[in-house]
Every structure is written in C-alpha cells, then in structure tokens.
C-alpha cells in the first residue's frame, strides 16, 4: 500500500510540475465553461487497420455560448511488433466569440498521431500521445502545431479497469506552435497552450466509459477552467 501511495504521489508531482506555465488575465477567465465530448474507435475485422474520431461541443459557459464545435476523424494502424496506434486524420473546427457576439470562424486541419500505452506497477494505465497538426485558420497564414499529452488512469476499486471500475483520470498536454508569424503583422508565442485535467471515470462495459472532470487551460490571451463530460466508446 505504501508503494501504491508513493506511485500516485510521484505521478501527481510530475503532472503538477509539467503544468507550471505563466498565467495571464482576461475578463472572461472566471467564467466556468463546459465541454461535452464523444470519443469513438473501431477496428476492422481481422485487420490492424481501424477508424477513430471525436465530436466536441465546447462552451464558454456551461451551455449555450459556443466556444468551439470540433469534429475529427482518422484512419488508424496498429503494428504487430510494437504496442502503439498510429493515426492519420482530418478535423473541422468552428469557433465562436465570447458573450452575445454570434460571429464564428472556421479551421480545417490535418493531423498525424502516435499513441503509446503502457502500465506502471500493473495497475496505473499510462498513455503517451504525440500529435502534429497542419492548420488552415480563417484570416491567418498556414500554421503547424506540435502536441504531447501524458494520460494516466488509476483504478480505485479494482486493480484492472473493467466493467464496474471507478478510476481517477489525469492528463496534461502541451501545445507548441511551429510558426510565430501568423500573418498581417500578428505573432504568437512558441508555447501555444497547456491543459491540465483531473476527473473521475466509470466503466460501463469493456467498450464504454463515462468520465467527468475539470480541465484548466493556460493560453497567452486567457486562462480558463472548463468542466468536461465525455463518453468513450469502442465498437
């Protein structure tokens, strides 16, 4: 039990240190937002190829004030010799303005991803996600971005995550811009944003989980907290 407590403490310390980014103030940073998300994946029969995707409705408030509508999907491949999933995908993002302003902007995106899972001490489920993006954003020059996310799921009432398991979910993700000049004399920092999330999950079935948590996002113009509600589905 002491080793388990030390492992959780060490993981929490690592994630805390990883999230240390400068804060900035905006008038809307105290407005609690909410993201509603559906993640899915499927494997072709007798094949190492599959599909995955997600739909996310992000709100500046808990509901009604659109921050972003994101639709993403990709083709996946799982090699026989290495425990990883590689994805080539596309995404479309509609972004809304804060408050009563109904203006929106659009982004189209290509992305490439590698997801590498492993287990610590046989009961902490860890995933490393590496992602590159090519972005076409309204009224901006072509942009690229690089992302790294560290996920950890820790079962609370069992040692394996199966039906009926409650688990703690943690992640931290760092975003780095490939270009600083985005057009018309505008520039962005190399560090685009940082997200830290902590939540609680429940496994309904082997192929379906529900998760609820809180994510804090640091960006150059705004630091803001969001509730996150997500359904994770394999079929």
Protein backbone atom coordinates (compact mmCIF):
# COMPACT_ATOMS: atom_id res chain seq x y z
CA UNK A 1 0.00 0.00 0.00
CA UNK A 2 2.88 2.35 0.70
CA UNK A 3 4.35 1.71 -2.77
CA UNK A 4 0.96 2.45 -4.34
CA UNK A 5 0.64 5.73 -2.40
CA UNK A 6 4.17 6.73 -3.38
CA UNK A 7 3.42 6.00 -7.05
CA UNK A 8 0.31 8.18 -7.02
CA UNK A 9 2.21 10.94 -5.23
CA UNK A 10 5.07 10.78 -7.71
CA UNK A 11 2.73 10.85 -10.70
CA UNK A 12 0.80 13.80 -9.27
CA UNK A 13 4.05 15.68 -8.62
CA UNK A 14 5.23 15.05 -12.19
CA UNK A 15 1.98 16.36 -13.65
CA UNK A 16 1.99 19.38 -11.33
CA UNK A 17 5.49 20.37 -12.37
CA UNK A 18 4.62 19.79 -16.01
CA UNK A 19 1.72 22.25 -15.83
CA UNK A 20 3.71 25.19 -14.47
CA UNK A 21 3.08 27.85 -17.14
CA UNK A 22 2.76 31.63 -16.87
CA UNK A 23 -0.76 32.91 -16.19
CA UNK A 24 -2.49 35.81 -17.90
CA UNK A 25 -5.69 37.63 -17.07
CA UNK A 26 -8.76 38.20 -19.22
CA UNK A 27 -12.20 39.49 -18.34
CA UNK A 28 -13.77 36.11 -19.02
CA UNK A 29 -11.28 33.89 -17.18
CA UNK A 30 -13.62 33.39 -14.21
CA UNK A 31 -16.49 32.24 -16.46
CA UNK A 32 -16.73 28.46 -15.96
CA UNK A 33 -17.06 26.67 -19.30
CA UNK A 34 -18.16 23.16 -20.18
CA UNK A 35 -17.10 20.72 -22.88
CA UNK A 36 -19.37 17.83 -23.97
CA UNK A 37 -17.42 15.14 -25.85
CA UNK A 38 -17.89 11.78 -27.58
CA UNK A 39 -14.79 9.72 -28.45
CA UNK A 40 -15.07 6.58 -30.58
CA UNK A 41 -12.88 3.99 -32.24
CA UNK A 42 -13.40 0.80 -34.17
CA UNK A 43 -11.19 -1.92 -35.60
CA UNK A 44 -11.77 -3.55 -39.00
CA UNK A 45 -12.40 -7.29 -38.70
CA UNK A 46 -9.22 -9.41 -38.93
CA UNK A 47 -7.18 -6.31 -39.63
CA UNK A 48 -4.70 -3.97 -37.97
CA UNK A 49 -6.49 -1.02 -39.54
CA UNK A 50 -9.34 0.90 -37.98
CA UNK A 51 -11.01 4.27 -37.50
CA UNK A 52 -11.24 6.73 -34.65
CA UNK A 53 -12.75 10.14 -34.05
CA UNK A 54 -14.45 12.54 -31.69
CA UNK A 55 -17.11 15.24 -31.59
CA UNK A 56 -16.74 18.04 -29.05
CA UNK A 57 -19.16 20.85 -28.24
CA UNK A 58 -17.23 23.40 -26.20
CA UNK A 59 -18.96 26.28 -24.43
CA UNK A 60 -17.65 29.49 -22.91
CA UNK A 61 -20.30 28.96 -20.22
CA UNK A 62 -21.91 25.72 -19.05
CA UNK A 63 -24.22 25.62 -22.08
CA UNK A 64 -25.35 27.88 -24.91
CA UNK A 65 -22.38 30.19 -25.60
CA UNK A 66 -20.41 28.35 -28.27
CA UNK A 67 -16.64 28.35 -27.88
CA UNK A 68 -15.91 25.60 -30.42
CA UNK A 69 -17.57 22.78 -32.31
CA UNK A 70 -14.91 20.24 -33.23
CA UNK A 71 -15.41 17.23 -35.49
CA UNK A 72 -12.40 14.96 -36.01
CA UNK A 73 -11.76 11.54 -37.52
CA UNK A 74 -8.90 9.43 -38.82
CA UNK A 75 -7.59 6.13 -40.14
CA UNK A 76 -5.64 4.08 -37.58
CA UNK A 77 -2.98 1.36 -37.80
CA UNK A 78 -1.64 -0.89 -35.04
CA UNK A 79 1.68 -2.58 -35.91
CA UNK A 80 2.24 -6.18 -34.87
CA UNK A 81 5.71 -5.63 -33.45
CA UNK A 82 5.07 -2.53 -31.32
CA UNK A 83 2.28 -1.62 -28.89
CA UNK A 84 1.11 1.65 -30.41
CA UNK A 85 -1.65 3.14 -32.54
CA UNK A 86 -0.82 5.47 -35.42
CA UNK A 87 -3.46 7.80 -36.89
CA UNK A 88 -3.77 9.96 -39.98
CA UNK A 89 -6.80 12.23 -39.74
CA UNK A 90 -8.70 15.40 -40.56
CA UNK A 91 -10.68 17.86 -38.44
CA UNK A 92 -13.00 20.81 -38.81
CA UNK A 93 -13.40 23.40 -36.06
CA UNK A 94 -15.98 26.18 -35.82
CA UNK A 95 -15.01 28.77 -33.20
CA UNK A 96 -17.46 31.22 -31.64
CA UNK A 97 -16.88 34.59 -29.99
CA UNK A 98 -17.36 35.04 -26.24
CA UNK A 99 -20.63 36.50 -24.97
CA UNK A 100 -23.51 37.83 -27.07
CA UNK A 101 -21.42 38.11 -30.24
CA UNK A 102 -22.54 35.42 -32.73
CA UNK A 103 -19.50 35.74 -35.03
CA UNK A 104 -17.74 32.48 -35.90
CA UNK A 105 -14.53 31.48 -37.65
CA UNK A 106 -13.50 28.22 -39.28
CA UNK A 107 -10.44 25.98 -39.22
CA UNK A 108 -9.59 22.88 -41.24
CA UNK A 109 -6.83 20.62 -40.03
CA UNK A 110 -4.77 17.56 -40.93
CA UNK A 111 -3.13 15.62 -38.09
CA UNK A 112 -0.76 12.71 -37.54
CA UNK A 113 -0.69 10.92 -34.20
CA UNK A 114 1.12 8.18 -32.29
CA UNK A 115 -0.46 6.77 -29.11
CA UNK A 116 1.79 4.59 -26.94
CA UNK A 117 0.21 2.86 -23.90
CA UNK A 118 1.90 1.03 -21.05
CA UNK A 119 1.28 0.17 -17.39
CA UNK A 120 3.11 1.21 -14.24
CA UNK A 121 3.17 -1.30 -11.37
CA UNK A 122 0.50 -3.32 -13.22
CA UNK A 123 -2.37 -1.02 -12.19
CA UNK A 124 -1.63 2.52 -13.44
CA UNK A 125 -2.66 2.82 -17.09
CA UNK A 126 -0.43 5.37 -18.86
CA UNK A 127 -0.64 6.66 -22.43
CA UNK A 128 1.73 8.96 -24.31
CA UNK A 129 0.22 10.81 -27.27
CA UNK A 130 2.35 12.63 -29.84
CA UNK A 131 0.47 14.69 -32.43
CA UNK A 132 1.42 17.05 -35.26
CA UNK A 133 -1.12 19.33 -36.94
CA UNK A 134 -1.29 21.30 -40.18
CA UNK A 135 -3.81 24.11 -39.74
CA UNK A 136 -5.76 26.33 -42.13
CA UNK A 137 -7.43 29.00 -39.98
CA UNK A 138 -9.64 31.80 -41.32
CA UNK A 139 -7.70 35.06 -41.83
CA UNK A 140 -4.38 33.51 -40.80
CA UNK A 141 -1.36 32.16 -42.64
CA UNK A 142 -0.84 28.40 -42.80
CA UNK A 143 0.22 27.11 -39.39
CA UNK A 144 1.63 23.96 -37.81
CA UNK A 145 1.49 22.79 -34.21
CA UNK A 146 3.09 20.04 -32.12
CA UNK A 147 1.39 18.42 -29.13
CA UNK A 148 2.39 16.00 -26.39
CA UNK A 149 -0.10 14.57 -23.89
CA UNK A 150 0.50 12.31 -20.89
CA UNK A 151 -2.57 10.41 -19.66
CA UNK A 152 -2.95 8.26 -16.54
CA UNK A 153 -5.97 6.21 -15.45
CA UNK A 154 -5.81 4.83 -11.90
CA UNK A 155 -8.43 2.22 -10.83
CA UNK A 156 -9.91 2.94 -7.42
CA UNK A 157 -11.96 -0.14 -6.50
CA UNK A 158 -10.12 -2.82 -8.54
CA UNK A 159 -6.62 -3.41 -9.91
CA UNK A 160 -7.80 -3.70 -13.53
CA UNK A 161 -10.11 -1.38 -15.44
CA UNK A 162 -13.17 -3.45 -16.34
CA UNK A 163 -16.95 -3.22 -16.03
CA UNK A 164 -17.90 -1.61 -12.73
CA UNK A 165 -14.50 0.03 -12.18
CA UNK A 166 -14.26 3.57 -10.85
CA UNK A 167 -11.00 5.25 -11.80
CA UNK A 168 -9.18 8.55 -11.43
CA UNK A 169 -8.28 10.15 -14.76
CA UNK A 170 -5.41 12.62 -15.17
CA UNK A 171 -3.78 14.24 -18.15
CA UNK A 172 -1.52 17.09 -19.10
CA UNK A 173 -1.00 18.32 -22.66
CA UNK A 174 1.49 20.85 -24.03
CA UNK A 175 0.95 22.61 -27.40
CA UNK A 176 3.87 24.19 -29.32
CA UNK A 177 3.43 26.43 -32.36
CA UNK A 178 5.56 25.71 -35.41
CA UNK A 179 5.36 29.28 -36.73
CA UNK A 180 5.27 32.51 -34.76
CA UNK A 181 4.21 34.83 -37.61
CA UNK A 182 0.54 34.13 -38.48
CA UNK A 183 0.01 36.99 -40.95
CA UNK A 184 -0.85 40.71 -41.01
CA UNK A 185 1.89 41.51 -38.51
CA UNK A 186 0.46 39.17 -35.87
CA UNK A 187 2.69 36.84 -33.88
CA UNK A 188 2.15 34.05 -31.39
CA UNK A 189 4.41 32.50 -28.76
CA UNK A 190 6.12 29.15 -29.24
CA UNK A 191 4.14 27.80 -26.26
CA UNK A 192 0.57 27.84 -27.56
CA UNK A 193 -1.20 26.42 -24.51
CA UNK A 194 -1.13 23.93 -21.66
CA UNK A 195 -4.04 21.82 -20.41
CA UNK A 196 -4.26 20.01 -17.09
CA UNK A 197 -7.20 17.74 -16.30
CA UNK A 198 -8.32 15.70 -13.33
CA UNK A 199 -11.50 13.64 -13.34
CA UNK A 200 -13.44 10.57 -12.31
CA UNK A 201 -14.40 7.79 -14.68
CA UNK A 202 -16.69 4.76 -14.59
CA UNK A 203 -16.50 1.72 -16.86
CA UNK A 204 -19.99 0.77 -18.02
CA UNK A 205 -18.79 -2.09 -20.24
CA UNK A 206 -15.47 -3.25 -21.63
CA UNK A 207 -16.07 -0.99 -24.63
CA UNK A 208 -17.70 2.02 -22.96
CA UNK A 209 -16.67 4.50 -20.27
CA UNK A 210 -18.12 7.69 -18.84
CA UNK A 211 -15.88 10.44 -17.50
CA UNK A 212 -16.44 13.73 -15.67
CA UNK A 213 -13.77 16.19 -14.62
CA UNK A 214 -12.26 19.65 -14.61
CA UNK A 215 -9.69 20.97 -17.08
CA UNK A 216 -7.69 24.17 -16.64
CA UNK A 217 -6.22 25.66 -19.80
CA UNK A 218 -3.42 28.24 -19.91
CA UNK A 219 -3.07 30.26 -23.12
CA UNK A 220 -1.48 33.60 -23.93
CA UNK A 221 -4.77 35.56 -24.12
CA UNK A 222 -6.77 33.69 -21.45
CA UNK A 223 -6.51 31.22 -18.56
CA UNK A 224 -9.79 29.40 -18.07
CA UNK A 225 -11.41 26.42 -16.39
CA UNK A 226 -13.83 24.01 -18.06
CA UNK A 227 -15.97 21.16 -16.87
CA UNK A 228 -15.64 18.12 -19.13
CA UNK A 229 -18.24 15.43 -19.73
CA UNK A 230 -17.12 12.62 -22.04
CA UNK A 231 -18.27 9.25 -23.38
CA UNK A 232 -15.56 6.86 -24.65
CA UNK A 233 -16.84 4.14 -26.97
CA UNK A 234 -15.16 1.24 -28.82
CA UNK A 235 -17.12 -0.91 -31.27
